[in-house]
């Protein structure tokens, strides 16, 4: 039985991988940070993630690929054409470790998620304020 490793922070998570995977995870991390500088980094569900008005985006390393994941899955529909060359599920896209990462695309997807989360947070706040006013 394998023991589940618990990481205290993102650096520890990234440091647990072979050098090549670490390099790719650092590239993804930077692409996300560049588009979401106010987002908080954390480890969630045992992988690296960013939070901004809720969970923004997850990224993870594996033996043969690195991946990004997000919910809601709107971003994967919006960028469906650009993501076509990559293995994908409903909530995750995989990038092989032996090919260059589409960092500009990851940045654009992050920018989309930042706006999506900010818009949702604003709508929730407006709804809450309207409900409070009715009382």
N, C-alpha and C. Protein backbone atom coordinates (compact mmCIF):
# COMPACT_ATOMS: atom_id res chain seq x y z
N UNK A 1 0.85 -1.18 0.00
CA UNK A 1 0.00 0.00 0.00
C UNK A 1 0.89 1.24 0.00
N UNK A 2 0.61 2.19 -0.88
CA UNK A 2 1.41 3.41 -0.91
C UNK A 2 0.87 4.43 0.07
N UNK A 3 1.80 5.14 0.68
CA UNK A 3 1.45 6.16 1.65
C UNK A 3 1.22 7.49 0.92
N UNK A 4 0.15 8.17 1.26
CA UNK A 4 -0.16 9.47 0.65
C UNK A 4 0.74 10.53 1.29
N UNK A 5 1.43 11.28 0.43
CA UNK A 5 2.33 12.33 0.91
C UNK A 5 1.54 13.62 1.05
N UNK A 6 1.76 14.31 2.15
CA UNK A 6 1.11 15.59 2.39
C UNK A 6 2.15 16.69 2.26
N UNK A 7 1.88 17.67 1.42
CA UNK A 7 2.83 18.76 1.18
C UNK A 7 2.40 19.99 1.95
N UNK A 8 3.36 20.66 2.57
CA UNK A 8 3.06 21.86 3.34
C UNK A 8 2.92 23.10 2.46
N UNK A 9 3.59 23.10 1.29
CA UNK A 9 3.52 24.26 0.40
C UNK A 9 3.83 23.84 -1.03
N UNK A 10 3.66 24.77 -1.94
CA UNK A 10 3.84 24.48 -3.36
C UNK A 10 5.30 24.16 -3.68
N UNK A 11 6.24 24.87 -3.06
CA UNK A 11 7.66 24.57 -3.31
C UNK A 11 7.99 23.12 -2.96
N UNK A 12 7.45 22.65 -1.85
CA UNK A 12 7.68 21.27 -1.42
C UNK A 12 7.05 20.30 -2.44
N UNK A 13 5.85 20.62 -2.90
CA UNK A 13 5.18 19.79 -3.91
C UNK A 13 6.03 19.70 -5.18
N UNK A 14 6.43 20.86 -5.71
CA UNK A 14 7.21 20.87 -6.95
C UNK A 14 8.54 20.16 -6.75
N UNK A 15 9.17 20.35 -5.60
CA UNK A 15 10.45 19.73 -5.30
C UNK A 15 10.42 18.22 -5.20
N UNK A 16 9.23 17.65 -5.14
CA UNK A 16 9.11 16.19 -5.03
C UNK A 16 9.24 15.47 -6.37
N UNK A 17 9.37 16.23 -7.46
CA UNK A 17 9.41 15.65 -8.79
C UNK A 17 10.83 15.64 -9.36
N UNK A 18 11.06 14.80 -10.39
CA UNK A 18 12.34 14.85 -11.10
C UNK A 18 12.56 16.24 -11.70
N UNK A 19 13.80 16.56 -11.97
CA UNK A 19 14.19 17.90 -12.42
C UNK A 19 13.38 18.41 -13.63
N UNK A 20 13.18 17.58 -14.63
CA UNK A 20 12.45 18.01 -15.84
C UNK A 20 11.02 18.41 -15.50
N UNK A 21 10.35 17.61 -14.67
CA UNK A 21 8.97 17.91 -14.28
C UNK A 21 8.94 19.19 -13.43
N UNK A 22 9.93 19.34 -12.54
CA UNK A 22 10.02 20.56 -11.73
C UNK A 22 10.10 21.79 -12.62
N UNK A 23 10.94 21.70 -13.64
CA UNK A 23 11.12 22.82 -14.57
C UNK A 23 9.80 23.19 -15.24
N UNK A 24 9.06 22.20 -15.68
CA UNK A 24 7.78 22.45 -16.35
C UNK A 24 6.75 23.02 -15.37
N UNK A 25 6.72 22.49 -14.16
CA UNK A 25 5.79 23.01 -13.16
C UNK A 25 6.11 24.46 -12.81
N UNK A 26 7.39 24.80 -12.76
CA UNK A 26 7.79 26.19 -12.48
C UNK A 26 7.35 27.10 -13.63
N UNK A 27 7.42 26.60 -14.86
CA UNK A 27 6.98 27.40 -16.01
C UNK A 27 5.48 27.65 -15.95
N UNK A 28 4.72 26.61 -15.60
CA UNK A 28 3.27 26.76 -15.46
C UNK A 28 2.97 27.74 -14.33
N UNK A 29 3.65 27.57 -13.22
CA UNK A 29 3.47 28.45 -12.05
C UNK A 29 3.66 29.91 -12.44
N UNK A 30 4.72 30.20 -13.19
CA UNK A 30 5.02 31.57 -13.61
C UNK A 30 3.95 32.09 -14.57
N UNK A 31 3.53 31.25 -15.51
CA UNK A 31 2.49 31.67 -16.47
C UNK A 31 1.20 32.05 -15.75
N UNK A 32 0.88 31.30 -14.71
CA UNK A 32 -0.33 31.59 -13.93
C UNK A 32 -0.13 32.85 -13.10
N UNK A 33 1.01 32.93 -12.39
CA UNK A 33 1.29 34.10 -11.55
C UNK A 33 1.31 35.39 -12.35
N UNK A 34 1.83 35.33 -13.58
CA UNK A 34 1.89 36.53 -14.43
C UNK A 34 0.50 37.08 -14.73
N UNK A 35 -0.48 36.20 -14.84
CA UNK A 35 -1.85 36.63 -15.16
C UNK A 35 -2.74 36.78 -13.92
N UNK A 36 -2.28 36.25 -12.80
CA UNK A 36 -3.07 36.31 -11.57
C UNK A 36 -2.17 36.66 -10.39
N UNK A 37 -1.53 37.85 -10.43
CA UNK A 37 -0.56 38.19 -9.39
C UNK A 37 -1.16 38.29 -7.98
N UNK A 38 -2.47 38.51 -7.88
CA UNK A 38 -3.11 38.62 -6.57
C UNK A 38 -3.58 37.28 -6.03
N UNK A 39 -3.47 36.24 -6.84
CA UNK A 39 -3.95 34.93 -6.42
C UNK A 39 -3.04 34.34 -5.35
N UNK A 40 -3.66 33.58 -4.46
CA UNK A 40 -2.94 32.90 -3.39
C UNK A 40 -2.54 31.50 -3.84
N UNK A 41 -1.28 31.15 -3.61
CA UNK A 41 -0.80 29.81 -3.93
C UNK A 41 -1.08 28.87 -2.76
N UNK A 42 -1.45 27.65 -3.07
CA UNK A 42 -1.68 26.67 -2.03
C UNK A 42 -1.61 25.26 -2.59
N UNK A 43 -1.58 24.29 -1.71
CA UNK A 43 -1.70 22.90 -2.09
C UNK A 43 -3.13 22.50 -1.73
N UNK A 44 -3.85 21.99 -2.70
CA UNK A 44 -5.24 21.58 -2.50
C UNK A 44 -5.44 20.24 -3.20
N UNK A 45 -6.10 19.32 -2.53
CA UNK A 45 -6.27 17.96 -3.06
C UNK A 45 -4.90 17.33 -3.38
N UNK A 46 -3.87 17.73 -2.65
CA UNK A 46 -2.55 17.13 -2.82
C UNK A 46 -1.76 17.64 -4.00
N UNK A 47 -2.25 18.69 -4.70
CA UNK A 47 -1.52 19.25 -5.84
C UNK A 47 -1.45 20.77 -5.71
N UNK A 48 -0.63 21.38 -6.55
CA UNK A 48 -0.45 22.84 -6.54
C UNK A 48 -1.70 23.52 -7.11
N UNK A 49 -2.01 24.69 -6.54
CA UNK A 49 -3.20 25.40 -6.99
C UNK A 49 -3.07 26.89 -6.69
N UNK A 50 -3.94 27.66 -7.31
CA UNK A 50 -4.08 29.08 -7.03
C UNK A 50 -5.54 29.36 -6.71
N UNK A 51 -5.75 30.29 -5.77
CA UNK A 51 -7.10 30.69 -5.37
C UNK A 51 -7.23 32.20 -5.56
N UNK A 52 -8.31 32.60 -6.20
CA UNK A 52 -8.64 34.02 -6.37
C UNK A 52 -10.15 34.10 -6.47
N UNK A 53 -10.81 34.62 -5.45
CA UNK A 53 -12.28 34.61 -5.39
C UNK A 53 -12.79 33.19 -5.59
N UNK A 54 -12.18 32.25 -4.91
CA UNK A 54 -12.49 30.84 -5.08
C UNK A 54 -11.34 30.16 -5.79
N UNK A 55 -11.44 28.87 -5.97
CA UNK A 55 -10.35 28.15 -6.63
C UNK A 55 -10.24 28.60 -8.09
N UNK A 56 -9.01 28.88 -8.48
CA UNK A 56 -8.76 29.44 -9.81
C UNK A 56 -8.31 28.35 -10.78
N UNK A 57 -7.20 27.70 -10.42
CA UNK A 57 -6.61 26.71 -11.32
C UNK A 57 -5.68 25.80 -10.52
N UNK A 58 -5.64 24.54 -10.90
CA UNK A 58 -4.75 23.55 -10.30
C UNK A 58 -3.71 23.17 -11.34
N UNK A 59 -2.53 22.77 -10.88
CA UNK A 59 -1.55 22.23 -11.81
C UNK A 59 -0.77 21.12 -11.11
N UNK A 60 -0.40 20.11 -11.89
CA UNK A 60 0.17 18.91 -11.28
C UNK A 60 1.21 18.28 -12.18
N UNK A 61 2.09 17.53 -11.54
CA UNK A 61 3.13 16.80 -12.26
C UNK A 61 2.89 15.30 -12.18
N UNK A 62 3.31 14.61 -13.22
CA UNK A 62 3.20 13.16 -13.30
C UNK A 62 4.44 12.63 -13.99
N UNK A 63 4.51 11.35 -14.15
CA UNK A 63 5.71 10.75 -14.73
C UNK A 63 5.92 11.15 -16.20
N UNK A 64 4.86 11.18 -16.98
CA UNK A 64 5.00 11.46 -18.41
C UNK A 64 4.33 12.75 -18.89
N UNK A 65 3.68 13.46 -17.96
CA UNK A 65 3.02 14.70 -18.36
C UNK A 65 2.86 15.62 -17.15
N UNK A 66 2.50 16.87 -17.45
CA UNK A 66 2.06 17.81 -16.43
C UNK A 66 0.65 18.20 -16.85
N UNK A 67 -0.13 18.70 -15.91
CA UNK A 67 -1.50 19.02 -16.28
C UNK A 67 -1.99 20.26 -15.56
N UNK A 68 -3.05 20.83 -16.11
CA UNK A 68 -3.79 21.88 -15.41
C UNK A 68 -5.24 21.41 -15.34
N UNK A 69 -5.91 21.85 -14.28
CA UNK A 69 -7.31 21.47 -14.08
C UNK A 69 -8.04 22.66 -13.48
N UNK A 70 -9.32 22.70 -13.72
CA UNK A 70 -10.13 23.78 -13.18
C UNK A 70 -11.60 23.38 -13.17
N UNK A 71 -12.32 24.02 -12.31
CA UNK A 71 -13.78 23.90 -12.30
C UNK A 71 -14.30 25.30 -11.98
N UNK A 72 -15.31 25.81 -12.61
CA UNK A 72 -16.08 25.14 -13.64
C UNK A 72 -15.24 24.91 -14.90
N UNK A 73 -15.79 24.14 -15.80
CA UNK A 73 -15.04 23.68 -16.96
C UNK A 73 -15.19 24.59 -18.18
N UNK A 74 -15.80 25.73 -18.00
CA UNK A 74 -16.05 26.69 -19.07
C UNK A 74 -14.78 26.99 -19.87
N UNK A 75 -13.67 27.15 -19.18
CA UNK A 75 -12.41 27.52 -19.84
C UNK A 75 -12.01 26.48 -20.89
N UNK A 76 -12.31 25.21 -20.64
CA UNK A 76 -11.94 24.17 -21.59
C UNK A 76 -12.82 24.21 -22.84
N UNK A 77 -14.03 24.69 -22.70
CA UNK A 77 -14.90 24.87 -23.86
C UNK A 77 -14.48 26.09 -24.66
N UNK A 78 -14.17 27.18 -23.97
CA UNK A 78 -13.76 28.43 -24.63
C UNK A 78 -12.48 28.21 -25.45
N UNK A 79 -11.54 27.44 -24.90
CA UNK A 79 -10.25 27.22 -25.55
C UNK A 79 -10.16 25.83 -26.20
N UNK A 80 -11.30 25.28 -26.55
CA UNK A 80 -11.37 23.92 -27.10
C UNK A 80 -10.46 23.73 -28.33
N UNK A 81 -10.50 24.68 -29.24
CA UNK A 81 -9.71 24.59 -30.48
C UNK A 81 -8.21 24.59 -30.17
N UNK A 82 -7.78 25.49 -29.28
CA UNK A 82 -6.37 25.59 -28.93
C UNK A 82 -5.88 24.37 -28.15
N UNK A 83 -6.80 23.73 -27.43
CA UNK A 83 -6.44 22.56 -26.62
C UNK A 83 -6.55 21.24 -27.39
N UNK A 84 -7.04 21.30 -28.62
CA UNK A 84 -7.28 20.10 -29.42
C UNK A 84 -6.06 19.16 -29.52
N UNK A 85 -4.83 19.68 -29.62
CA UNK A 85 -3.69 18.76 -29.74
C UNK A 85 -3.35 17.98 -28.45
N UNK A 86 -3.99 18.32 -27.35
CA UNK A 86 -3.62 17.73 -26.06
C UNK A 86 -4.67 16.77 -25.55
N UNK A 87 -4.22 15.81 -24.77
CA UNK A 87 -5.13 14.87 -24.12
C UNK A 87 -5.92 15.64 -23.07
N UNK A 88 -7.24 15.43 -23.09
CA UNK A 88 -8.12 16.23 -22.25
C UNK A 88 -9.22 15.37 -21.65
N UNK A 89 -9.66 15.78 -20.47
CA UNK A 89 -10.88 15.22 -19.89
C UNK A 89 -11.80 16.40 -19.68
N UNK A 90 -12.89 16.19 -18.99
CA UNK A 90 -13.85 17.28 -18.74
C UNK A 90 -13.20 18.43 -17.98
N UNK A 91 -12.29 18.12 -17.04
CA UNK A 91 -11.75 19.16 -16.16
C UNK A 91 -10.23 19.32 -16.21
N UNK A 92 -9.55 18.53 -17.04
CA UNK A 92 -8.08 18.51 -17.03
C UNK A 92 -7.53 18.46 -18.44
N UNK A 93 -6.39 19.10 -18.63
CA UNK A 93 -5.66 18.97 -19.89
C UNK A 93 -4.23 18.56 -19.54
N UNK A 94 -3.70 17.60 -20.31
CA UNK A 94 -2.36 17.06 -20.08
C UNK A 94 -1.40 17.56 -21.14
N UNK A 95 -0.20 17.93 -20.69
CA UNK A 95 0.87 18.35 -21.59
C UNK A 95 2.03 17.38 -21.43
N UNK A 96 2.45 16.72 -22.52
CA UNK A 96 3.56 15.76 -22.41
C UNK A 96 4.85 16.46 -21.97
N UNK A 97 5.66 15.76 -21.18
CA UNK A 97 6.88 16.40 -20.66
C UNK A 97 7.98 16.52 -21.72
N UNK A 98 7.81 15.84 -22.85
CA UNK A 98 8.84 15.91 -23.88
C UNK A 98 8.55 16.94 -24.97
N UNK A 99 7.55 17.79 -24.75
CA UNK A 99 7.20 18.83 -25.72
C UNK A 99 7.13 20.18 -25.00
N UNK A 100 7.38 21.28 -25.73
CA UNK A 100 7.28 22.61 -25.09
C UNK A 100 5.86 22.88 -24.60
N UNK A 101 5.77 23.56 -23.49
CA UNK A 101 4.47 23.92 -22.93
C UNK A 101 3.86 25.10 -23.68
N UNK A 102 2.56 25.12 -23.86
CA UNK A 102 1.90 26.28 -24.49
C UNK A 102 1.67 27.37 -23.42
N UNK A 103 2.74 28.02 -23.01
CA UNK A 103 2.67 28.96 -21.89
C UNK A 103 1.76 30.15 -22.16
N UNK A 104 1.76 30.64 -23.39
CA UNK A 104 0.86 31.76 -23.72
C UNK A 104 -0.59 31.32 -23.57
N UNK A 105 -0.90 30.11 -23.99
CA UNK A 105 -2.25 29.58 -23.86
C UNK A 105 -2.63 29.41 -22.39
N UNK A 106 -1.72 28.88 -21.58
CA UNK A 106 -1.98 28.73 -20.15
C UNK A 106 -2.24 30.11 -19.53
N UNK A 107 -1.47 31.10 -19.96
CA UNK A 107 -1.69 32.46 -19.48
C UNK A 107 -3.06 32.99 -19.86
N UNK A 108 -3.47 32.77 -21.10
CA UNK A 108 -4.79 33.24 -21.56
C UNK A 108 -5.91 32.52 -20.81
N UNK A 109 -5.73 31.25 -20.58
CA UNK A 109 -6.73 30.49 -19.83
C UNK A 109 -6.83 31.01 -18.39
N UNK A 110 -5.69 31.33 -17.80
CA UNK A 110 -5.67 31.89 -16.45
C UNK A 110 -6.38 33.23 -16.42
N UNK A 111 -6.09 34.09 -17.39
CA UNK A 111 -6.73 35.40 -17.47
C UNK A 111 -8.25 35.25 -17.56
N UNK A 112 -8.69 34.29 -18.35
CA UNK A 112 -10.12 34.01 -18.47
C UNK A 112 -10.70 33.59 -17.12
N UNK A 113 -9.99 32.70 -16.41
CA UNK A 113 -10.47 32.20 -15.11
C UNK A 113 -10.50 33.33 -14.07
N UNK A 114 -9.51 34.23 -14.09
CA UNK A 114 -9.50 35.36 -13.16
C UNK A 114 -10.77 36.19 -13.36
N UNK A 115 -11.08 36.51 -14.61
CA UNK A 115 -12.28 37.30 -14.91
C UNK A 115 -13.53 36.53 -14.52
N UNK A 116 -13.56 35.26 -14.83
CA UNK A 116 -14.72 34.42 -14.50
C UNK A 116 -14.98 34.41 -12.99
N UNK A 117 -13.93 34.21 -12.21
CA UNK A 117 -14.08 34.19 -10.75
C UNK A 117 -14.44 35.56 -10.20
N UNK A 118 -13.82 36.62 -10.72
CA UNK A 118 -14.12 37.97 -10.25
C UNK A 118 -15.56 38.34 -10.57
N UNK A 119 -16.03 38.00 -11.76
CA UNK A 119 -17.42 38.28 -12.15
C UNK A 119 -18.40 37.52 -11.25
N UNK A 120 -18.09 36.28 -10.96
CA UNK A 120 -18.95 35.47 -10.09
C UNK A 120 -18.99 36.05 -8.68
N UNK A 121 -17.84 36.47 -8.17
CA UNK A 121 -17.77 37.07 -6.83
C UNK A 121 -18.58 38.36 -6.79
N UNK A 122 -18.48 39.17 -7.83
CA UNK A 122 -19.23 40.43 -7.89
C UNK A 122 -20.73 40.16 -7.94
N UNK A 123 -21.13 39.17 -8.71
CA UNK A 123 -22.55 38.82 -8.81
C UNK A 123 -23.08 38.32 -7.46
N UNK A 124 -22.29 37.51 -6.77
CA UNK A 124 -22.69 37.03 -5.44
C UNK A 124 -22.84 38.19 -4.46
N UNK A 125 -21.89 39.12 -4.50
CA UNK A 125 -21.93 40.27 -3.59
C UNK A 125 -23.15 41.14 -3.89
N UNK A 126 -23.45 41.34 -5.15
CA UNK A 126 -24.61 42.14 -5.54
C UNK A 126 -25.90 41.46 -5.10
N UNK A 127 -25.97 40.16 -5.27
CA UNK A 127 -27.14 39.39 -4.86
C UNK A 127 -27.34 39.47 -3.34
N UNK A 128 -26.25 39.35 -2.61
CA UNK A 128 -26.28 39.43 -1.16
C UNK A 128 -26.75 40.82 -0.70
N UNK A 129 -26.23 41.85 -1.35
CA UNK A 129 -26.60 43.23 -1.01
C UNK A 129 -28.08 43.47 -1.30
N UNK A 130 -28.57 42.93 -2.41
CA UNK A 130 -29.98 43.10 -2.77
C UNK A 130 -30.87 42.38 -1.77
N UNK A 131 -30.46 41.21 -1.36
CA UNK A 131 -31.23 40.44 -0.37
C UNK A 131 -31.27 41.16 0.97
N UNK A 132 -30.15 41.75 1.34
CA UNK A 132 -30.05 42.48 2.60
C UNK A 132 -30.96 43.72 2.59
N UNK A 133 -31.02 44.36 1.41
CA UNK A 133 -31.83 45.58 1.25
C UNK A 133 -33.33 45.26 1.41
N UNK A 134 -33.72 44.08 0.97
CA UNK A 134 -35.14 43.67 1.04
C UNK A 134 -35.60 43.47 2.48
N UNK A 135 -34.69 43.14 3.36
CA UNK A 135 -35.04 42.86 4.76
C UNK A 135 -35.49 44.04 5.49
